[in-house]
PDB file of N, CA and C in Angstrom:
ATOM      1  N   MET A   1     160.864 105.736  37.629  1.00  0.00           N
ATOM      2  CA  MET A   1     160.023 106.856  37.999  1.00  0.00           C
ATOM      3  C   MET A   1     158.776 106.827  37.114  1.00  0.00           C
ATOM      4  N   PRO A   2     157.582 107.081  37.689  1.00  0.00           N
ATOM      5  CA  PRO A   2     156.347 107.077  36.916  1.00  0.00           C
ATOM      6  C   PRO A   2     156.372 108.143  35.834  1.00  0.00           C
ATOM      7  N   LYS A   3     155.786 107.802  34.683  1.00  0.00           N
ATOM      8  CA  LYS A   3     155.691 108.772  33.597  1.00  0.00           C
ATOM      9  C   LYS A   3     154.400 109.554  33.731  1.00  0.00           C
ATOM     10  N   THR A   4     154.468 110.830  33.396  1.00  0.00           N
ATOM     11  CA  THR A   4     153.283 111.672  33.455  1.00  0.00           C
ATOM     12  C   THR A   4     152.535 111.561  32.138  1.00  0.00           C
ATOM     13  N   THR A   5     151.279 111.179  32.198  1.00  0.00           N
ATOM     14  CA  THR A   5     150.421 111.106  31.026  1.00  0.00           C
ATOM     15  C   THR A   5     149.158 111.868  31.340  1.00  0.00           C
ATOM     16  N   SER A   6     148.281 111.923  30.350  1.00  0.00           N
ATOM     17  CA  SER A   6     147.015 112.610  30.595  1.00  0.00           C
ATOM     18  C   SER A   6     146.195 111.893  31.657  1.00  0.00           C
ATOM     19  N   GLU A   7     146.463 110.604  31.882  1.00  0.00           N
ATOM     20  CA  GLU A   7     145.717 109.838  32.869  1.00  0.00           C
ATOM     21  C   GLU A   7     146.200 110.073  34.293  1.00  0.00           C
ATOM     22  N   ASN A   8     147.442 110.504  34.490  1.00  0.00           N
ATOM     23  CA  ASN A   8     147.937 110.669  35.857  1.00  0.00           C
ATOM     24  C   ASN A   8     148.400 112.096  36.151  1.00  0.00           C
ATOM     25  N   THR A   9     147.750 113.072  35.502  1.00  0.00           N
ATOM     26  CA  THR A   9     148.031 114.455  35.857  1.00  0.00           C
ATOM     27  C   THR A   9     147.392 114.760  37.190  1.00  0.00           C
ATOM     28  N   SER A  10     147.755 115.874  37.769  1.00  0.00           N
ATOM     29  CA  SER A  10     147.371 116.139  39.145  1.00  0.00           C
ATOM     30  C   SER A  10     145.929 116.611  39.328  1.00  0.00           C
ATOM     31  N   LYS A  11     145.217 116.964  38.269  1.00  0.00           N
ATOM     32  CA  LYS A  11     143.894 117.559  38.416  1.00  0.00           C
ATOM     33  C   LYS A  11     142.948 116.744  39.284  1.00  0.00           C
ATOM     34  N   ASN A  12     142.802 115.471  39.008  1.00  0.00           N
ATOM     35  CA  ASN A  12     141.825 114.646  39.704  1.00  0.00           C
ATOM     36  C   ASN A  12     142.476 113.493  40.447  1.00  0.00           C
ATOM     37  N   MET A  13     143.644 113.740  41.041  1.00  0.00           N
ATOM     38  CA  MET A  13     144.365 112.689  41.737  1.00  0.00           C
ATOM     39  C   MET A  13     144.392 112.963  43.234  1.00  0.00           C
ATOM     40  N   ARG A  14     144.324 111.895  43.997  1.00  0.00           N
ATOM     41  CA  ARG A  14     144.476 111.946  45.452  1.00  0.00           C
ATOM     42  C   ARG A  14     145.599 110.963  45.785  1.00  0.00           C
ATOM     43  N   VAL A  15     146.552 111.417  46.576  1.00  0.00           N
ATOM     44  CA  VAL A  15     147.674 110.557  46.961  1.00  0.00           C
ATOM     45  C   VAL A  15     147.617 110.349  48.467  1.00  0.00           C
ATOM     46  N   GLU A  16     147.682 109.085  48.867  1.00  0.00           N
ATOM     47  CA  GLU A  16     147.686 108.727  50.279  1.00  0.00           C
ATOM     48  C   GLU A  16     149.058 108.166  50.629  1.00  0.00           C
ATOM     49  N   PHE A  17     149.740 108.831  51.534  1.00  0.00           N
ATOM     50  CA  PHE A  17     151.058 108.413  51.990  1.00  0.00           C
ATOM     51  C   PHE A  17     150.906 107.677  53.316  1.00  0.00           C
ATOM     52  N   ASP A  18     151.561 106.522  53.439  1.00  0.00           N
ATOM     53  CA  ASP A  18     151.615 105.775  54.694  1.00  0.00           C
ATOM     54  C   ASP A  18     153.078 105.680  55.098  1.00  0.00           C
ATOM     55  N   ILE A  19     153.398 106.247  56.251  1.00  0.00           N
ATOM     56  CA  ILE A  19     154.783 106.379  56.698  1.00  0.00           C
ATOM     57  C   ILE A  19     154.927 105.715  58.060  1.00  0.00           C
ATOM     58  N   ILE A  20     155.970 104.916  58.208  1.00  0.00           N
ATOM     59  CA  ILE A  20     156.329 104.342  59.503  1.00  0.00           C
ATOM     60  C   ILE A  20     157.651 104.980  59.901  1.00  0.00           C
ATOM     61  N   ALA A  21     157.690 105.547  61.103  1.00  0.00           N
ATOM     62  CA  ALA A  21     158.877 106.275  61.547  1.00  0.00           C
ATOM     63  C   ALA A  21     159.105 106.049  63.028  1.00  0.00           C
ATOM     64  N   MET A  22     160.308 106.414  63.484  1.00  0.00           N
ATOM     65  CA  MET A  22     160.587 106.376  64.913  1.00  0.00           C
ATOM     66  C   MET A  22     159.723 107.431  65.587  1.00  0.00           C
ATOM     67  N   SER A  23     159.262 107.128  66.780  1.00  0.00           N
ATOM     68  CA  SER A  23     158.411 108.054  67.512  1.00  0.00           C
ATOM     69  C   SER A  23     159.281 109.103  68.195  1.00  0.00           C
ATOM     70  N   GLU A  24     159.639 110.125  67.441  1.00  0.00           N
ATOM     71  CA  GLU A  24     160.464 111.234  67.926  1.00  0.00           C
ATOM     72  C   GLU A  24     159.634 112.507  67.843  1.00  0.00           C
ATOM     73  N   PRO A  25     159.879 113.471  68.716  1.00  0.00           N
ATOM     74  CA  PRO A  25     159.067 114.693  68.727  1.00  0.00           C
ATOM     75  C   PRO A  25     159.058 115.471  67.417  1.00  0.00           C
ATOM     76  N   ASN A  26     160.130 115.420  66.640  1.00  0.00           N
ATOM     77  CA  ASN A  26     160.197 116.248  65.435  1.00  0.00           C
ATOM     78  C   ASN A  26     159.891 115.499  64.140  1.00  0.00           C
ATOM     79  N   THR A  27     159.588 114.215  64.207  1.00  0.00           N
ATOM     80  CA  THR A  27     159.391 113.440  62.981  1.00  0.00           C
ATOM     81  C   THR A  27     158.220 113.961  62.156  1.00  0.00           C
ATOM     82  N   LEU A  28     157.078 114.168  62.783  1.00  0.00           N
ATOM     83  CA  LEU A  28     155.905 114.633  62.039  1.00  0.00           C
ATOM     84  C   LEU A  28     156.176 115.990  61.383  1.00  0.00           C
ATOM     85  N   LEU A  29     156.846 116.879  62.093  1.00  0.00           N
ATOM     86  CA  LEU A  29     157.171 118.189  61.522  1.00  0.00           C
ATOM     87  C   LEU A  29     158.093 118.060  60.320  1.00  0.00           C
ATOM     88  N   ARG A  30     159.073 117.176  60.407  1.00  0.00           N
ATOM     89  CA  ARG A  30     159.998 116.974  59.281  1.00  0.00           C
ATOM     90  C   ARG A  30     159.272 116.432  58.056  1.00  0.00           C
ATOM     91  N   VAL A  31     158.347 115.509  58.291  1.00  0.00           N
ATOM     92  CA  VAL A  31     157.566 114.939  57.179  1.00  0.00           C
ATOM     93  C   VAL A  31     156.712 116.028  56.529  1.00  0.00           C
ATOM     94  N   LEU A  32     155.973 116.783  57.338  1.00  0.00           N
ATOM     95  CA  LEU A  32     155.076 117.804  56.795  1.00  0.00           C
ATOM     96  C   LEU A  32     155.830 118.946  56.113  1.00  0.00           C
ATOM     97  N   GLU A  33     157.070 119.168  56.523  1.00  0.00           N
ATOM     98  CA  GLU A  33     157.870 120.218  55.897  1.00  0.00           C
ATOM     99  C   GLU A  33     158.056 119.961  54.396  1.00  0.00           C
ATOM    100  N   TYR A  34     158.223 118.713  53.996  1.00  0.00           N
ATOM    101  CA  TYR A  34     158.388 118.407  52.572  1.00  0.00           C
ATOM    102  C   TYR A  34     157.136 118.752  51.773  1.00  0.00           C
ATOM    103  N   PHE A  35     155.958 118.575  52.358  1.00  0.00           N
ATOM    104  CA  PHE A  35     154.730 118.962  51.675  1.00  0.00           C
ATOM    105  C   PHE A  35     154.685 120.482  51.508  1.00  0.00           C
ATOM    106  N   ALA A  36     155.059 121.204  52.554  1.00  0.00           N
ATOM    107  CA  ALA A  36     155.064 122.662  52.498  1.00  0.00           C
ATOM    108  C   ALA A  36     156.043 123.178  51.444  1.00  0.00           C
ATOM    109  N   LEU A  37     157.188 122.533  51.324  1.00  0.00           N
ATOM    110  CA  LEU A  37     158.208 122.987  50.373  1.00  0.00           C
ATOM    111  C   LEU A  37     157.737 122.912  48.926  1.00  0.00           C
ATOM    112  N   ILE A  38     156.812 121.991  48.619  1.00  0.00           N
ATOM    113  CA  ILE A  38     156.303 121.904  47.245  1.00  0.00           C
ATOM    114  C   ILE A  38     154.937 122.580  47.101  1.00  0.00           C
ATOM    115  N   GLY A  39     154.466 123.216  48.172  1.00  0.00           N
ATOM    116  CA  GLY A  39     153.206 123.936  48.117  1.00  0.00           C
ATOM    117  C   GLY A  39     151.975 123.042  48.144  1.00  0.00           C
ATOM    118  N   ALA A  40     152.107 121.853  48.695  1.00  0.00           N
ATOM    119  CA  ALA A  40     150.984 120.915  48.777  1.00  0.00           C
ATOM    120  C   ALA A  40     150.391 120.957  50.182  1.00  0.00           C
ATOM    121  N   THR A  41     149.108 121.293  50.274  1.00  0.00           N
ATOM    122  CA  THR A  41     148.431 121.332  51.562  1.00  0.00           C
ATOM    123  C   THR A  41     147.719 120.006  51.782  1.00  0.00           C
ATOM    124  N   PRO A  42     148.107 119.246  52.800  1.00  0.00           N
ATOM    125  CA  PRO A  42     147.429 117.970  53.063  1.00  0.00           C
ATOM    126  C   PRO A  42     145.963 118.184  53.430  1.00  0.00           C
ATOM    127  N   CYS A  43     145.122 117.271  52.984  1.00  0.00           N
ATOM    128  CA  CYS A  43     143.697 117.294  53.333  1.00  0.00           C
ATOM    129  C   CYS A  43     143.440 116.508  54.601  1.00  0.00           C
ATOM    130  N   ASN A  44     144.322 115.580  54.897  1.00  0.00           N
ATOM    131  CA  ASN A  44     144.139 114.735  56.063  1.00  0.00           C
ATOM    132  C   ASN A  44     145.517 114.329  56.586  1.00  0.00           C
ATOM    133  N   VAL A  45     145.718 114.501  57.882  1.00  0.00           N
ATOM    134  CA  VAL A  45     146.969 114.091  58.523  1.00  0.00           C
ATOM    135  C   VAL A  45     146.603 113.341  59.797  1.00  0.00           C
ATOM    136  N   LYS A  46     147.192 112.170  59.974  1.00  0.00           N
ATOM    137  CA  LYS A  46     146.938 111.392  61.178  1.00  0.00           C
ATOM    138  C   LYS A  46     148.248 110.737  61.605  1.00  0.00           C
ATOM    139  N   ALA A  47     148.571 110.847  62.889  1.00  0.00           N
ATOM    140  CA  ALA A  47     149.778 110.218  63.423  1.00  0.00           C
ATOM    141  C   ALA A  47     149.400 109.442  64.679  1.00  0.00           C
ATOM    142  N   ASP A  48     149.787 108.184  64.722  1.00  0.00           N
ATOM    143  CA  ASP A  48     149.508 107.325  65.875  1.00  0.00           C
ATOM    144  C   ASP A  48     150.807 106.722  66.382  1.00  0.00           C
ATOM    145  N   SER A  49     151.019 106.788  67.704  1.00  0.00           N
ATOM    146  CA  SER A  49     152.175 106.131  68.316  1.00  0.00           C
ATOM    147  C   SER A  49     151.879 104.651  68.503  1.00  0.00           C
ATOM    148  N   ASN A  50     152.891 103.845  68.297  1.00  0.00           N
ATOM    149  CA  ASN A  50     152.773 102.401  68.490  1.00  0.00           C
ATOM    150  C   ASN A  50     153.577 101.996  69.720  1.00  0.00           C
ATOM    151  N   PRO A  51     153.205 100.899  70.369  1.00  0.00           N
ATOM    152  CA  PRO A  51     153.928 100.447  71.571  1.00  0.00           C
ATOM    153  C   PRO A  51     155.399 100.102  71.313  1.00  0.00           C
ATOM    154  N   ASP A  52     155.761  99.823  70.060  1.00  0.00           N
ATOM    155  CA  ASP A  52     157.142  99.431  69.752  1.00  0.00           C
ATOM    156  C   ASP A  52     158.077 100.623  69.536  1.00  0.00           C
ATOM    157  N   GLY A  53     157.611 101.850  69.826  1.00  0.00           N
ATOM    158  CA  GLY A  53     158.468 103.019  69.684  1.00  0.00           C
ATOM    159  C   GLY A  53     158.434 103.642  68.298  1.00  0.00           C
ATOM    160  N   THR A  54     157.516 103.186  67.448  1.00  0.00           N
ATOM    161  CA  THR A  54     157.361 103.784  66.125  1.00  0.00           C
ATOM    162  C   THR A  54     156.052 104.559  66.092  1.00  0.00           C
ATOM    163  N   GLN A  55     155.891 105.315  65.031  1.00  0.00           N
ATOM    164  CA  GLN A  55     154.617 105.982  64.819  1.00  0.00           C
ATOM    165  C   GLN A  55     154.185 105.774  63.375  1.00  0.00           C
ATOM    166  N   ALA A  56     152.886 105.638  63.193  1.00  0.00           N
ATOM    167  CA  ALA A  56     152.308 105.512  61.859  1.00  0.00           C
ATOM    168  C   ALA A  56     151.747 106.873  61.481  1.00  0.00           C
ATOM    169  N   ILE A  57     152.190 107.383  60.342  1.00  0.00           N
ATOM    170  CA  ILE A  57     151.753 108.693  59.872  1.00  0.00           C
ATOM    171  C   ILE A  57     151.035 108.483  58.545  1.00  0.00           C
ATOM    172  N   ALA A  58     149.830 109.000  58.444  1.00  0.00           N
ATOM    173  CA  ALA A  58     149.058 108.938  57.201  1.00  0.00           C
ATOM    174  C   ALA A  58     148.787 110.365  56.748  1.00  0.00           C
ATOM    175  N   VAL A  59     149.140 110.655  55.498  1.00  0.00           N
ATOM    176  CA  VAL A  59     148.940 111.991  54.939  1.00  0.00           C
ATOM    177  C   VAL A  59     148.230 111.833  53.601  1.00  0.00           C
ATOM    178  N   THR A  60     147.141 112.571  53.407  1.00  0.00           N
ATOM    179  CA  THR A  60     146.414 112.559  52.139  1.00  0.00           C
ATOM    180  C   THR A  60     146.521 113.935  51.508  1.00  0.00           C
ATOM    181  N   VAL A  61     146.876 113.948  50.212  1.00  0.00           N
ATOM    182  CA  VAL A  61     147.019 115.195  49.469  1.00  0.00           C
ATOM    183  C   VAL A  61     146.241 115.057  48.173  1.00  0.00           C
ATOM    184  N   GLU A  62     145.464 116.070  47.855  1.00  0.00           N
ATOM    185  CA  GLU A  62     144.728 116.086  46.591  1.00  0.00           C
ATOM    186  C   GLU A  62     145.460 116.938  45.573  1.00  0.00           C
ATOM    187  N   LYS A  63     145.208 116.643  44.311  1.00  0.00           N
ATOM    188  CA  LYS A  63     145.772 117.389  43.181  1.00  0.00           C
ATOM    189  C   LYS A  63     147.296 117.334  43.165  1.00  0.00           C
ATOM    190  N   LEU A  64     147.834 116.147  43.417  1.00  0.00           N
ATOM    191  CA  LEU A  64     149.277 115.923  43.375  1.00  0.00           C
ATOM    192  C   LEU A  64     149.538 114.877  42.304  1.00  0.00           C
ATOM    193  N   SER A  65     150.427 115.157  41.367  1.00  0.00           N
ATOM    194  CA  SER A  65     150.691 114.220  40.282  1.00  0.00           C
ATOM    195  C   SER A  65     151.432 112.990  40.794  1.00  0.00           C
ATOM    196  N   GLN A  66     151.364 111.932  40.021  1.00  0.00           N
ATOM    197  CA  GLN A  66     152.046 110.691  40.383  1.00  0.00           C
ATOM    198  C   GLN A  66     153.559 110.909  40.423  1.00  0.00           C
ATOM    199  N   GLN A  67     154.072 111.715  39.523  1.00  0.00           N
ATOM    200  CA  GLN A  67     155.505 112.005  39.499  1.00  0.00           C
ATOM    201  C   GLN A  67     155.933 112.765  40.760  1.00  0.00           C
ATOM    202  N   ARG A  68     155.145 113.754  41.175  1.00  0.00           N
ATOM    203  CA  ARG A  68     155.452 114.498  42.407  1.00  0.00           C
ATOM    204  C   ARG A  68     155.374 113.580  43.629  1.00  0.00           C
ATOM    205  N   ALA A  69     154.396 112.678  43.631  1.00  0.00           N
ATOM    206  CA  ALA A  69     154.246 111.745  44.746  1.00  0.00           C
ATOM    207  C   ALA A  69     155.480 110.855  44.859  1.00  0.00           C
ATOM    208  N   TYR A  70     155.982 110.401  43.736  1.00  0.00           N
ATOM    209  CA  TYR A  70     157.176 109.552  43.705  1.00  0.00           C
ATOM    210  C   TYR A  70     158.387 110.298  44.284  1.00  0.00           C
ATOM    211  N   ILE A  71     158.571 111.534  43.850  1.00  0.00           N
ATOM    212  CA  ILE A  71     159.699 112.343  44.327  1.00  0.00           C
ATOM    213  C   ILE A  71     159.537 112.651  45.816  1.00  0.00           C
ATOM    214  N   LEU A  72     158.336 113.013  46.218  1.00  0.00           N
ATOM    215  CA  LEU A  72     158.060 113.344  47.614  1.00  0.00           C
ATOM    216  C   LEU A  72     158.305 112.137  48.516  1.00  0.00           C
ATOM    217  N   ALA A  73     157.861 110.961  48.101  1.00  0.00           N
ATOM    218  CA  ALA A  73     158.085 109.747  48.896  1.00  0.00           C
ATOM    219  C   ALA A  73     159.578 109.483  49.057  1.00  0.00           C
ATOM    220  N   GLY A  74     160.354 109.712  48.011  1.00  0.00           N
ATOM    221  CA  GLY A  74     161.797 109.531  48.091  1.00  0.00           C
ATOM    222  C   GLY A  74     162.440 110.493  49.070  1.00  0.00           C
ATOM    223  N   LYS A  75     162.004 111.743  49.052  1.00  0.00           N
ATOM    224  CA  LYS A  75     162.540 112.745  49.976  1.00  0.00           C
ATOM    225  C   LYS A  75     162.187 112.410  51.420  1.00  0.00           C
ATOM    226  N   ILE A  76     160.932 112.019  51.657  1.00  0.00           N
ATOM    227  CA  ILE A  76     160.508 111.664  53.011  1.00  0.00           C
ATOM    228  C   ILE A  76     161.295 110.461  53.510  1.00  0.00           C
ATOM    229  N   ASN A  77     161.550 109.507  52.643  1.00  0.00           N
ATOM    230  CA  ASN A  77     162.296 108.306  53.016  1.00  0.00           C
ATOM    231  C   ASN A  77     163.732 108.624  53.429  1.00  0.00           C
ATOM    232  N   GLU A  78     164.252 109.783  53.018  1.00  0.00           N
ATOM    233  CA  GLU A  78     165.613 110.195  53.391  1.00  0.00           C
ATOM    234  C   GLU A  78     165.699 110.764  54.806  1.00  0.00           C
ATOM    235  N   ILE A  79     164.556 111.072  55.424  1.00  0.00           N
ATOM    236  CA  ILE A  79     164.560 111.580  56.796  1.00  0.00           C
ATOM    237  C   ILE A  79     165.075 110.454  57.692  1.00  0.00           C
ATOM    238  N   PHE A  80     166.055 110.752  58.525  1.00  0.00           N
ATOM    239  CA  PHE A  80     166.723 109.697  59.285  1.00  0.00           C
ATOM    240  C   PHE A  80     165.818 108.976  60.275  1.00  0.00           C
ATOM    241  N   THR A  81     164.719 109.573  60.699  1.00  0.00           N
ATOM    242  CA  THR A  81     163.804 108.905  61.629  1.00  0.00           C
ATOM    243  C   THR A  81     162.716 108.103  60.913  1.00  0.00           C
ATOM    244  N   VAL A  82     162.672 108.157  59.589  1.00  0.00           N
ATOM    245  CA  VAL A  82     161.653 107.440  58.819  1.00  0.00           C
ATOM    246  C   VAL A  82     162.152 106.046  58.453  1.00  0.00           C
ATOM    247  N   ASN A  83     161.322 105.039  58.752  1.00  0.00           N
ATOM    248  CA  ASN A  83     161.658 103.644  58.434  1.00  0.00           C
ATOM    249  C   ASN A  83     161.173 103.240  57.050  1.00  0.00           C
ATOM    250  N   SER A  84     159.959 103.656  56.675  1.00  0.00           N
ATOM    251  CA  SER A  84     159.421 103.288  55.366  1.00  0.00           C
ATOM    252  C   SER A  84     158.347 104.272  54.928  1.00  0.00           C
ATOM    253  N   VAL A  85     158.194 104.368  53.603  1.00  0.00           N
ATOM    254  CA  VAL A  85     157.177 105.232  53.004  1.00  0.00           C
ATOM    255  C   VAL A  85     156.502 104.455  51.880  1.00  0.00           C
ATOM    256  N   ARG A  86     155.187 104.445  51.898  1.00  0.00           N
ATOM    257  CA  ARG A  86     154.400 103.897  50.789  1.00  0.00           C
ATOM    258  C   ARG A  86     153.390 104.958  50.385  1.00  0.00           C
ATOM    259  N   TYR A  87     153.016 104.960  49.128  1.00  0.00           N
ATOM    260  CA  TYR A  87     151.970 105.878  48.703  1.00  0.00           C
ATOM    261  C   TYR A  87     151.070 105.188  47.688  1.00  0.00           C
ATOM    262  N   THR A  88     149.822 105.651  47.662  1.00  0.00           N
ATOM    263  CA  THR A  88     148.831 105.132  46.734  1.00  0.00           C
ATOM    264  C   THR A  88     148.217 106.320  46.009  1.00  0.00           C
ATOM    265  N   VAL A  89     148.181 106.230  44.682  1.00  0.00           N
ATOM    266  CA  VAL A  89     147.579 107.282  43.869  1.00  0.00           C
ATOM    267  C   VAL A  89     146.190 106.807  43.464  1.00  0.00           C
ATOM    268  N   LYS A  90     145.191 107.643  43.741  1.00  0.00           N
ATOM    269  CA  LYS A  90     143.804 107.297  43.425  1.00  0.00           C
ATOM    270  C   LYS A  90     143.166 108.419  42.636  1.00  0.00           C
ATOM    271  N   SER A  91     142.222 108.067  41.797  1.00  0.00           N
ATOM    272  CA  SER A  91     141.431 109.069  41.096  1.00  0.00           C
ATOM    273  C   SER A  91     140.397 109.622  42.049  1.00  0.00           C
ATOM    274  N   MET A  92     140.227 110.934  42.008  1.00  0.00           N
ATOM    275  CA  MET A  92     139.202 111.566  42.831  1.00  0.00           C
ATOM    276  C   MET A  92     137.899 111.547  42.065  1.00  0.00           C
ATOM    277  N   ASP A  93     136.795 111.495  42.797  1.00  0.00           N
ATOM    278  CA  ASP A  93     135.479 111.584  42.201  1.00  0.00           C
ATOM    279  C   ASP A  93     135.328 112.970  41.593  1.00  0.00           C
ATOM    280  N   VAL A  94     134.920 113.050  40.343  1.00  0.00           N
ATOM    281  CA  VAL A  94     134.801 114.322  39.645  1.00  0.00           C
ATOM    282  C   VAL A  94     133.761 115.234  40.287  1.00  0.00           C
ATOM    283  N   SER A  95     132.800 114.662  41.020  1.00  0.00           N
ATOM    284  CA  SER A  95     131.752 115.474  41.628  1.00  0.00           C
ATOM    285  C   SER A  95     132.277 116.339  42.770  1.00  0.00           C
ATOM    286  N   GLY A  96     133.517 116.096  43.213  1.00  0.00           N
ATOM    287  CA  GLY A  96     134.117 116.926  44.237  1.00  0.00           C
ATOM    288  C   GLY A  96     133.811 116.469  45.649  1.00  0.00           C
ATOM    289  N   ASP A  97     133.292 115.247  45.800  1.00  0.00           N
ATOM    290  CA  ASP A  97     133.019 114.742  47.136  1.00  0.00           C
ATOM    291  C   ASP A  97     134.312 114.617  47.914  1.00  0.00           C
ATOM    292  N   SER A  98     134.274 114.979  49.171  1.00  0.00           N
ATOM    293  CA  SER A  98     135.453 114.847  50.016  1.00  0.00           C
ATOM    294  C   SER A  98     135.509 113.435  50.555  1.00  0.00           C
ATOM    295  N   PRO A  99     136.701 112.950  50.920  1.00  0.00           N
ATOM    296  CA  PRO A  99     136.806 111.607  51.461  1.00  0.00           C
ATOM    297  C   PRO A  99     136.033 111.506  52.765  1.00  0.00           C
ATOM    298  N   GLY A 100     135.566 110.307  53.087  1.00  0.00           N
ATOM    299  CA  GLY A 100     134.737 110.110  54.259  1.00  0.00           C
ATOM    300  C   GLY A 100     135.531 109.934  55.533  1.00  0.00           C
ATOM    301  N   HIS A 101     136.537 110.750  55.760  1.00  0.00           N
ATOM    302  CA  HIS A 101     137.341 110.663  56.971  1.00  0.00           C
ATOM    303  C   HIS A 101     136.843 111.684  57.986  1.00  0.00           C
ATOM    304  N   SER A 102     136.811 111.294  59.233  1.00  0.00           N
ATOM    305  CA  SER A 102     136.434 112.246  60.266  1.00  0.00           C
ATOM    306  C   SER A 102     137.665 112.808  60.968  1.00  0.00           C
ATOM    307  N   ASP A 103     138.846 112.524  60.418  1.00  0.00           N
ATOM    308  CA  ASP A 103     140.089 113.008  61.001  1.00  0.00           C
ATOM    309  C   ASP A 103     140.236 114.500  60.760  1.00  0.00           C
ATOM    310  N   MET A 104     141.256 115.078  61.382  1.00  0.00           N
ATOM    311  CA  MET A 104     141.503 116.509  61.258  1.00  0.00           C
ATOM    312  C   MET A 104     141.597 116.904  59.776  1.00  0.00           C
ATOM    313  N   ARG A 105     140.817 117.867  59.374  1.00  0.00           N
ATOM    314  CA  ARG A 105     140.788 118.336  57.995  1.00  0.00           C
ATOM    315  C   ARG A 105     141.597 119.614  57.890  1.00  0.00           C
ATOM    316  N   MET A 106     142.462 119.693  56.868  1.00  0.00           N
ATOM    317  CA  MET A 106     143.315 120.872  56.739  1.00  0.00           C
ATOM    318  C   MET A 106     143.154 121.562  55.382  1.00  0.00           C
ATOM    319  N   CYS A 107     142.206 121.147  54.559  1.00  0.00           N
ATOM    320  CA  CYS A 107     142.035 121.786  53.270  1.00  0.00           C
ATOM    321  C   CYS A 107     141.284 123.095  53.416  1.00  0.00           C
ATOM    322  N   ALA A 108     141.673 124.055  52.623  1.00  0.00           N
ATOM    323  CA  ALA A 108     140.985 125.363  52.662  1.00  0.00           C
ATOM    324  C   ALA A 108     139.759 125.319  51.787  1.00  0.00           C
TER     325      ALA A 108
END
């Protein structure tokens, strides 16, 4: 499990989750429920169906520590319709610029 240091605290961190799951009607809701349970509001959510019966889900969350991301990825991976979970922790620009995504924005 990642150790929390002054370099990986949640203040200036952005975590991008990439999830591959079975294309079932409730999969996206089950994934997003884990974010809600820890009080993390995603800034970007995108789900695409694939021809092979899977769906690719991308979720971006700001101000989430590396330790929380590790735990959250483990919980999401336990969902029976989820095939795999990867996450990337990135430093956010201190100037407060938002990511250049034109996808649905959910940050307040």
